[in-house]
N, C-alpha and C. Protein backbone atom coordinates (compact mmCIF):
# COMPACT_ATOMS: atom_id res chain seq x y z
N MET A 1 -40.25 39.83 31.28
CA MET A 1 -40.83 39.34 32.50
C MET A 1 -40.82 37.81 32.47
N ASP A 2 -40.45 37.21 33.59
CA ASP A 2 -40.39 35.75 33.69
C ASP A 2 -41.78 35.18 33.90
N ARG A 3 -41.97 33.99 33.40
CA ARG A 3 -43.24 33.27 33.60
C ARG A 3 -42.88 31.85 34.00
N THR A 4 -43.45 31.36 35.10
CA THR A 4 -43.13 30.05 35.64
C THR A 4 -44.35 29.14 35.62
N PHE A 5 -44.13 27.91 35.20
CA PHE A 5 -45.16 26.87 35.20
C PHE A 5 -44.66 25.72 36.06
N HIS A 6 -45.57 25.12 36.81
CA HIS A 6 -45.21 24.00 37.67
C HIS A 6 -45.48 22.68 36.97
N HIS A 7 -44.83 21.64 37.46
CA HIS A 7 -44.95 20.29 36.92
C HIS A 7 -46.29 19.68 37.32
N ARG A 8 -46.88 18.91 36.43
CA ARG A 8 -48.15 18.24 36.70
C ARG A 8 -47.91 17.02 37.60
N PHE A 9 -48.75 16.88 38.62
CA PHE A 9 -48.69 15.75 39.55
C PHE A 9 -49.55 14.64 38.97
N THR A 10 -48.93 13.60 38.42
CA THR A 10 -49.64 12.58 37.66
C THR A 10 -50.00 11.37 38.51
N ILE A 11 -50.87 10.54 37.96
CA ILE A 11 -51.27 9.29 38.62
C ILE A 11 -50.07 8.36 38.75
N GLY A 12 -49.21 8.35 37.74
CA GLY A 12 -48.00 7.53 37.80
C GLY A 12 -47.08 7.93 38.93
N ALA A 13 -46.95 9.23 39.17
CA ALA A 13 -46.11 9.70 40.27
C ALA A 13 -46.72 9.31 41.62
N ILE A 14 -48.05 9.44 41.74
CA ILE A 14 -48.73 9.06 42.98
C ILE A 14 -48.55 7.56 43.23
N CYS A 15 -48.74 6.75 42.20
CA CYS A 15 -48.59 5.30 42.36
C CYS A 15 -47.15 4.91 42.69
N GLY A 16 -46.19 5.53 42.04
CA GLY A 16 -44.78 5.23 42.31
C GLY A 16 -44.38 5.58 43.73
N ILE A 17 -44.76 6.78 44.17
CA ILE A 17 -44.43 7.20 45.53
C ILE A 17 -45.12 6.30 46.54
N SER A 18 -46.38 5.95 46.29
CA SER A 18 -47.12 5.08 47.21
C SER A 18 -46.50 3.69 47.28
N LEU A 19 -46.15 3.13 46.13
CA LEU A 19 -45.57 1.79 46.09
C LEU A 19 -44.25 1.72 46.84
N PHE A 20 -43.37 2.68 46.57
CA PHE A 20 -42.07 2.68 47.25
C PHE A 20 -42.21 3.00 48.73
N SER A 21 -43.21 3.79 49.12
CA SER A 21 -43.45 4.06 50.54
C SER A 21 -43.91 2.80 51.26
N ILE A 22 -44.81 2.05 50.65
CA ILE A 22 -45.26 0.79 51.26
C ILE A 22 -44.11 -0.19 51.36
N LEU A 23 -43.29 -0.27 50.33
CA LEU A 23 -42.13 -1.14 50.35
C LEU A 23 -41.14 -0.71 51.43
N MET A 24 -40.95 0.59 51.59
CA MET A 24 -40.06 1.11 52.63
C MET A 24 -40.57 0.71 54.01
N PHE A 25 -41.87 0.90 54.28
CA PHE A 25 -42.42 0.52 55.58
C PHE A 25 -42.32 -0.98 55.82
N TYR A 26 -42.48 -1.77 54.77
CA TYR A 26 -42.35 -3.23 54.91
C TYR A 26 -40.95 -3.60 55.36
N PHE A 27 -39.93 -3.01 54.71
CA PHE A 27 -38.56 -3.34 55.07
C PHE A 27 -38.21 -2.86 56.48
N PHE A 28 -38.74 -1.72 56.89
CA PHE A 28 -38.52 -1.30 58.28
C PHE A 28 -39.23 -2.25 59.24
N TRP A 29 -40.42 -2.72 58.88
CA TRP A 29 -41.18 -3.64 59.72
C TRP A 29 -40.44 -4.97 59.87
N GLU A 30 -39.81 -5.40 58.79
CA GLU A 30 -39.06 -6.66 58.81
C GLU A 30 -37.63 -6.48 59.33
N LYS A 31 -37.30 -5.31 59.83
CA LYS A 31 -36.02 -4.97 60.45
C LYS A 31 -34.84 -5.06 59.47
N HIS A 32 -35.08 -4.62 58.26
CA HIS A 32 -34.02 -4.46 57.27
C HIS A 32 -33.79 -2.96 57.12
N ALA A 33 -33.10 -2.39 58.09
CA ALA A 33 -32.98 -0.93 58.19
C ALA A 33 -32.21 -0.33 57.02
N LEU A 34 -31.19 -1.02 56.52
CA LEU A 34 -30.38 -0.46 55.45
C LEU A 34 -31.21 -0.31 54.16
N ILE A 35 -31.94 -1.35 53.80
CA ILE A 35 -32.77 -1.28 52.60
C ILE A 35 -33.90 -0.28 52.80
N GLY A 36 -34.50 -0.25 54.00
CA GLY A 36 -35.55 0.71 54.29
C GLY A 36 -35.07 2.14 54.20
N THR A 37 -33.84 2.38 54.67
CA THR A 37 -33.27 3.73 54.61
C THR A 37 -33.00 4.14 53.17
N LEU A 38 -32.48 3.21 52.36
CA LEU A 38 -32.24 3.53 50.95
C LEU A 38 -33.56 3.84 50.23
N LEU A 39 -34.61 3.08 50.53
CA LEU A 39 -35.91 3.37 49.93
C LEU A 39 -36.48 4.69 50.43
N MET A 40 -36.21 5.03 51.69
CA MET A 40 -36.67 6.31 52.22
C MET A 40 -36.02 7.48 51.47
N VAL A 41 -34.72 7.36 51.20
CA VAL A 41 -34.02 8.40 50.44
C VAL A 41 -34.58 8.48 49.02
N LEU A 42 -34.87 7.32 48.43
CA LEU A 42 -35.45 7.30 47.09
C LEU A 42 -36.83 7.98 47.06
N VAL A 43 -37.66 7.69 48.05
CA VAL A 43 -38.99 8.31 48.13
C VAL A 43 -38.88 9.82 48.31
N LEU A 44 -37.95 10.25 49.16
CA LEU A 44 -37.75 11.69 49.35
C LEU A 44 -37.29 12.38 48.07
N CYS A 45 -36.41 11.72 47.32
CA CYS A 45 -35.96 12.29 46.04
C CYS A 45 -37.11 12.36 45.03
N MET A 46 -37.97 11.33 45.01
CA MET A 46 -39.11 11.33 44.10
C MET A 46 -40.07 12.46 44.44
N ILE A 47 -40.37 12.63 45.73
CA ILE A 47 -41.27 13.70 46.15
C ILE A 47 -40.67 15.07 45.85
N GLU A 48 -39.38 15.21 46.12
CA GLU A 48 -38.68 16.48 45.85
C GLU A 48 -38.77 16.83 44.37
N ARG A 49 -38.56 15.85 43.50
CA ARG A 49 -38.59 16.11 42.07
C ARG A 49 -39.99 16.47 41.59
N VAL A 50 -41.01 15.76 42.09
CA VAL A 50 -42.38 16.01 41.64
C VAL A 50 -42.86 17.39 42.11
N ILE A 51 -42.56 17.74 43.34
CA ILE A 51 -43.08 18.99 43.91
C ILE A 51 -42.33 20.22 43.38
N HIS A 52 -41.03 20.12 43.21
CA HIS A 52 -40.23 21.31 42.91
C HIS A 52 -39.83 21.47 41.45
N THR A 53 -40.33 20.66 40.54
CA THR A 53 -39.99 20.84 39.13
C THR A 53 -40.78 22.03 38.57
N THR A 54 -40.05 22.96 37.96
CA THR A 54 -40.68 24.14 37.36
C THR A 54 -40.09 24.37 35.97
N TYR A 55 -40.89 25.03 35.15
CA TYR A 55 -40.48 25.44 33.80
C TYR A 55 -40.62 26.95 33.75
N THR A 56 -39.49 27.65 33.60
CA THR A 56 -39.49 29.12 33.64
C THR A 56 -39.01 29.70 32.31
N PHE A 57 -39.82 30.58 31.75
CA PHE A 57 -39.40 31.34 30.58
C PHE A 57 -38.66 32.57 31.10
N HIS A 58 -37.43 32.73 30.66
CA HIS A 58 -36.56 33.77 31.20
C HIS A 58 -35.89 34.49 30.04
N LYS A 59 -35.68 35.77 30.22
CA LYS A 59 -35.00 36.58 29.21
C LYS A 59 -33.67 37.02 29.79
N ILE A 60 -32.59 36.70 29.09
CA ILE A 60 -31.26 37.12 29.54
C ILE A 60 -30.70 38.11 28.54
N GLY A 61 -30.00 39.08 29.05
CA GLY A 61 -29.42 40.11 28.20
C GLY A 61 -27.94 39.89 28.01
N SER A 62 -27.44 40.30 26.87
CA SER A 62 -26.02 40.16 26.58
C SER A 62 -25.25 41.44 26.89
N GLY A 63 -25.93 42.42 27.42
CA GLY A 63 -25.28 43.69 27.70
C GLY A 63 -25.49 44.71 26.59
N LEU A 64 -25.87 44.25 25.42
CA LEU A 64 -26.15 45.13 24.30
C LEU A 64 -27.65 45.32 24.17
N PRO A 65 -28.10 46.54 23.92
CA PRO A 65 -29.54 46.75 23.78
C PRO A 65 -30.09 46.03 22.55
N GLY A 66 -31.22 45.37 22.73
CA GLY A 66 -31.86 44.65 21.64
C GLY A 66 -31.29 43.27 21.37
N LYS A 67 -30.32 42.84 22.16
CA LYS A 67 -29.68 41.53 21.96
C LYS A 67 -30.03 40.58 23.11
N GLU A 68 -31.28 40.60 23.53
CA GLU A 68 -31.68 39.70 24.61
C GLU A 68 -32.04 38.34 24.04
N GLN A 69 -31.88 37.31 24.87
CA GLN A 69 -32.15 35.96 24.43
C GLN A 69 -33.20 35.33 25.34
N GLU A 70 -34.20 34.70 24.74
CA GLU A 70 -35.24 34.00 25.49
C GLU A 70 -34.79 32.57 25.72
N ILE A 71 -34.91 32.10 26.96
CA ILE A 71 -34.56 30.72 27.27
C ILE A 71 -35.66 30.09 28.12
N LEU A 72 -35.77 28.79 28.05
CA LEU A 72 -36.64 28.01 28.91
C LEU A 72 -35.74 27.29 29.90
N VAL A 73 -35.91 27.59 31.19
CA VAL A 73 -35.11 26.97 32.24
C VAL A 73 -35.96 25.88 32.88
N ILE A 74 -35.45 24.64 32.83
CA ILE A 74 -36.14 23.51 33.44
C ILE A 74 -35.40 23.17 34.72
N ASN A 75 -36.07 23.40 35.84
CA ASN A 75 -35.51 23.15 37.16
C ASN A 75 -36.21 21.92 37.73
N LYS A 76 -35.49 20.82 37.89
CA LYS A 76 -36.08 19.58 38.37
C LYS A 76 -35.83 19.36 39.87
N GLY A 77 -35.88 20.43 40.62
CA GLY A 77 -35.74 20.31 42.07
C GLY A 77 -34.36 20.73 42.54
N ARG A 78 -34.22 20.72 43.85
CA ARG A 78 -32.98 21.19 44.46
C ARG A 78 -31.81 20.24 44.26
N LEU A 79 -32.09 18.97 44.01
CA LEU A 79 -31.04 17.97 43.91
C LEU A 79 -30.57 17.74 42.48
N SER A 80 -31.07 18.50 41.53
CA SER A 80 -30.72 18.33 40.12
C SER A 80 -30.18 19.63 39.54
N MET A 81 -29.47 19.49 38.44
CA MET A 81 -28.96 20.66 37.73
C MET A 81 -30.07 21.24 36.86
N ASN A 82 -30.05 22.55 36.70
CA ASN A 82 -31.00 23.21 35.80
C ASN A 82 -30.59 22.96 34.35
N LYS A 83 -31.59 22.87 33.48
CA LYS A 83 -31.34 22.74 32.05
C LYS A 83 -31.91 23.96 31.37
N SER A 84 -31.12 24.60 30.53
CA SER A 84 -31.54 25.79 29.80
C SER A 84 -31.64 25.48 28.32
N ILE A 85 -32.78 25.82 27.74
CA ILE A 85 -33.00 25.61 26.31
C ILE A 85 -33.25 26.97 25.67
N PRO A 86 -32.34 27.45 24.82
CA PRO A 86 -32.60 28.70 24.11
C PRO A 86 -33.76 28.52 23.14
N LEU A 87 -34.72 29.43 23.18
CA LEU A 87 -35.90 29.29 22.33
C LEU A 87 -35.58 29.47 20.85
N GLU A 88 -34.48 30.12 20.54
CA GLU A 88 -34.12 30.27 19.13
C GLU A 88 -33.64 28.93 18.54
N GLU A 89 -33.22 27.98 19.39
CA GLU A 89 -32.80 26.65 18.93
C GLU A 89 -33.96 25.66 18.88
N LEU A 90 -35.11 26.05 19.40
CA LEU A 90 -36.27 25.16 19.43
C LEU A 90 -36.76 24.93 18.01
N GLN A 91 -36.92 23.64 17.66
CA GLN A 91 -37.33 23.30 16.31
C GLN A 91 -38.77 22.80 16.24
N GLU A 92 -39.19 22.07 17.27
CA GLU A 92 -40.49 21.41 17.17
C GLU A 92 -41.05 21.16 18.57
N VAL A 93 -42.36 21.28 18.69
CA VAL A 93 -43.08 20.95 19.92
C VAL A 93 -44.20 19.99 19.53
N THR A 94 -44.22 18.81 20.15
CA THR A 94 -45.19 17.78 19.80
C THR A 94 -45.89 17.29 21.06
N ARG A 95 -47.22 17.16 20.98
CA ARG A 95 -47.97 16.54 22.07
C ARG A 95 -47.87 15.03 21.92
N MET A 96 -47.46 14.35 23.01
CA MET A 96 -47.27 12.91 22.98
C MET A 96 -48.11 12.26 24.07
N LYS A 97 -48.47 11.00 23.86
CA LYS A 97 -49.19 10.22 24.87
C LYS A 97 -48.37 9.00 25.22
N THR A 98 -48.47 8.57 26.48
CA THR A 98 -47.78 7.36 26.91
C THR A 98 -48.63 6.15 26.57
N ALA A 99 -48.18 4.99 26.96
CA ALA A 99 -48.89 3.75 26.67
C ALA A 99 -50.31 3.79 27.24
N PHE A 100 -51.24 3.30 26.48
CA PHE A 100 -52.66 3.25 26.83
C PHE A 100 -53.28 4.64 26.99
N GLY A 101 -52.58 5.70 26.65
CA GLY A 101 -53.12 7.05 26.72
C GLY A 101 -53.39 7.54 28.13
N LEU A 102 -52.72 6.95 29.13
CA LEU A 102 -52.96 7.34 30.52
C LEU A 102 -52.36 8.70 30.85
N ASN A 103 -51.30 9.07 30.17
CA ASN A 103 -50.61 10.31 30.49
C ASN A 103 -50.21 10.98 29.18
N HIS A 104 -49.99 12.29 29.24
CA HIS A 104 -49.53 13.01 28.06
C HIS A 104 -48.48 14.03 28.48
N TYR A 105 -47.65 14.40 27.51
CA TYR A 105 -46.58 15.36 27.77
C TYR A 105 -46.26 16.08 26.47
N LEU A 106 -45.42 17.09 26.59
CA LEU A 106 -44.96 17.84 25.42
C LEU A 106 -43.51 17.47 25.16
N LEU A 107 -43.20 17.12 23.93
CA LEU A 107 -41.84 16.77 23.55
C LEU A 107 -41.23 17.95 22.81
N LEU A 108 -40.17 18.51 23.36
CA LEU A 108 -39.47 19.63 22.76
C LEU A 108 -38.23 19.10 22.03
N VAL A 109 -38.09 19.43 20.77
CA VAL A 109 -36.91 19.06 19.98
C VAL A 109 -36.14 20.35 19.73
N TYR A 110 -34.84 20.35 20.07
CA TYR A 110 -34.06 21.57 19.96
C TYR A 110 -32.61 21.25 19.60
N GLY A 111 -31.92 22.26 19.15
CA GLY A 111 -30.49 22.15 18.86
C GLY A 111 -30.20 21.53 17.50
N THR A 112 -28.93 21.58 17.12
CA THR A 112 -28.51 21.02 15.84
C THR A 112 -28.46 19.50 15.87
N ARG A 113 -28.31 18.94 17.06
CA ARG A 113 -28.28 17.49 17.20
C ARG A 113 -29.66 16.88 17.43
N LYS A 114 -30.67 17.71 17.36
CA LYS A 114 -32.06 17.29 17.60
C LYS A 114 -32.23 16.63 18.97
N ARG A 115 -31.80 17.33 19.99
CA ARG A 115 -31.98 16.84 21.35
C ARG A 115 -33.44 16.95 21.73
N MET A 116 -33.86 16.10 22.67
CA MET A 116 -35.26 16.07 23.06
C MET A 116 -35.39 16.23 24.57
N GLU A 117 -36.47 16.89 24.96
CA GLU A 117 -36.80 17.07 26.37
C GLU A 117 -38.31 16.96 26.52
N ALA A 118 -38.75 16.15 27.47
CA ALA A 118 -40.18 15.99 27.74
C ALA A 118 -40.56 16.89 28.91
N VAL A 119 -41.61 17.66 28.73
CA VAL A 119 -42.10 18.54 29.81
C VAL A 119 -43.58 18.24 30.05
N MET A 120 -43.99 18.35 31.31
CA MET A 120 -45.39 18.13 31.68
C MET A 120 -45.87 19.28 32.56
N PRO A 121 -46.12 20.44 31.97
CA PRO A 121 -46.60 21.56 32.77
C PRO A 121 -48.03 21.34 33.23
N ASP A 122 -48.34 21.89 34.40
CA ASP A 122 -49.67 21.75 34.98
C ASP A 122 -50.72 22.43 34.10
N GLU A 123 -50.41 23.62 33.65
CA GLU A 123 -51.32 24.39 32.78
C GLU A 123 -50.77 24.34 31.36
N GLU A 124 -51.09 23.26 30.65
CA GLU A 124 -50.48 22.99 29.36
C GLU A 124 -50.83 24.02 28.29
N GLU A 125 -52.07 24.45 28.23
CA GLU A 125 -52.48 25.42 27.21
C GLU A 125 -51.79 26.77 27.43
N GLY A 126 -51.69 27.20 28.68
CA GLY A 126 -50.99 28.45 28.98
C GLY A 126 -49.51 28.35 28.65
N PHE A 127 -48.92 27.19 28.90
CA PHE A 127 -47.52 26.95 28.58
C PHE A 127 -47.30 27.05 27.07
N LEU A 128 -48.18 26.40 26.31
CA LEU A 128 -48.05 26.43 24.85
C LEU A 128 -48.23 27.83 24.27
N SER A 129 -49.19 28.58 24.82
CA SER A 129 -49.39 29.95 24.30
C SER A 129 -48.21 30.84 24.65
N GLU A 130 -47.65 30.69 25.86
CA GLU A 130 -46.47 31.48 26.24
C GLU A 130 -45.26 31.08 25.39
N LEU A 131 -45.11 29.79 25.14
CA LEU A 131 -44.01 29.31 24.31
C LEU A 131 -44.14 29.85 22.89
N LYS A 132 -45.33 29.82 22.34
CA LYS A 132 -45.54 30.33 20.98
C LYS A 132 -45.27 31.83 20.92
N LYS A 133 -45.75 32.56 21.92
CA LYS A 133 -45.55 34.02 21.94
C LYS A 133 -44.06 34.36 21.99
N ARG A 134 -43.32 33.67 22.86
CA ARG A 134 -41.89 33.98 23.01
C ARG A 134 -41.08 33.42 21.85
N TRP A 135 -41.48 32.29 21.31
CA TRP A 135 -40.77 31.70 20.17
C TRP A 135 -40.92 32.59 18.95
N ASP A 136 -42.14 33.13 18.74
CA ASP A 136 -42.37 34.04 17.62
C ASP A 136 -41.57 35.34 17.77
N SER A 137 -41.42 35.81 19.03
CA SER A 137 -40.67 37.06 19.24
C SER A 137 -39.18 36.87 18.98
N THR A 138 -38.66 35.63 19.14
CA THR A 138 -37.23 35.41 18.86
C THR A 138 -36.96 35.27 17.37
N ARG A 139 -37.96 34.90 16.60
CA ARG A 139 -37.79 34.68 15.17
C ARG A 139 -37.90 35.98 14.36
N LYS A 140 -38.35 37.07 14.98
CA LYS A 140 -38.50 38.35 14.27
C LYS A 140 -37.17 39.01 14.04
C-alpha cells in the first residue's frame, strides 16, 4: 500500500514568495512588463513546487512473487521530474538544521556514490516511522 507525505510549508518559502511577489508588482507598477512577467513566472513556479511536492512510499513488483522493491518517489510538482530512491540503497537518514536553527530537514544518503537528497515532510515523525518500517522490511 502506498503512503504519501506532503512537503512542509516553511517560513522561508513564505518570505521568498512574498518578496518576489512584491518585486513583481513593483516592476509592473514601474511599467517594466518583461521583468514583471519573468518574476510572475518565477513566483508561479515557486508556488507550484511548494504546494505540489510529495514524498510517496511505493512498492513495485518485478513480476516474480516475493521480488517486490520498495521505493521512495519524490515528486516536486508538475514542472519537475520525479526522483525515485530504492530503499534498499538507502544508507543513512540524518536530521539537519539550517543556519540559526530556523528550519530543519531530513538528509537521505543513498547509493554507492553516496548521493544526498533533502526532504521536508509535513509530518516528520510519521515519515520517519514509515521509512524505518519499510527500510527494515527490505533488509529481511
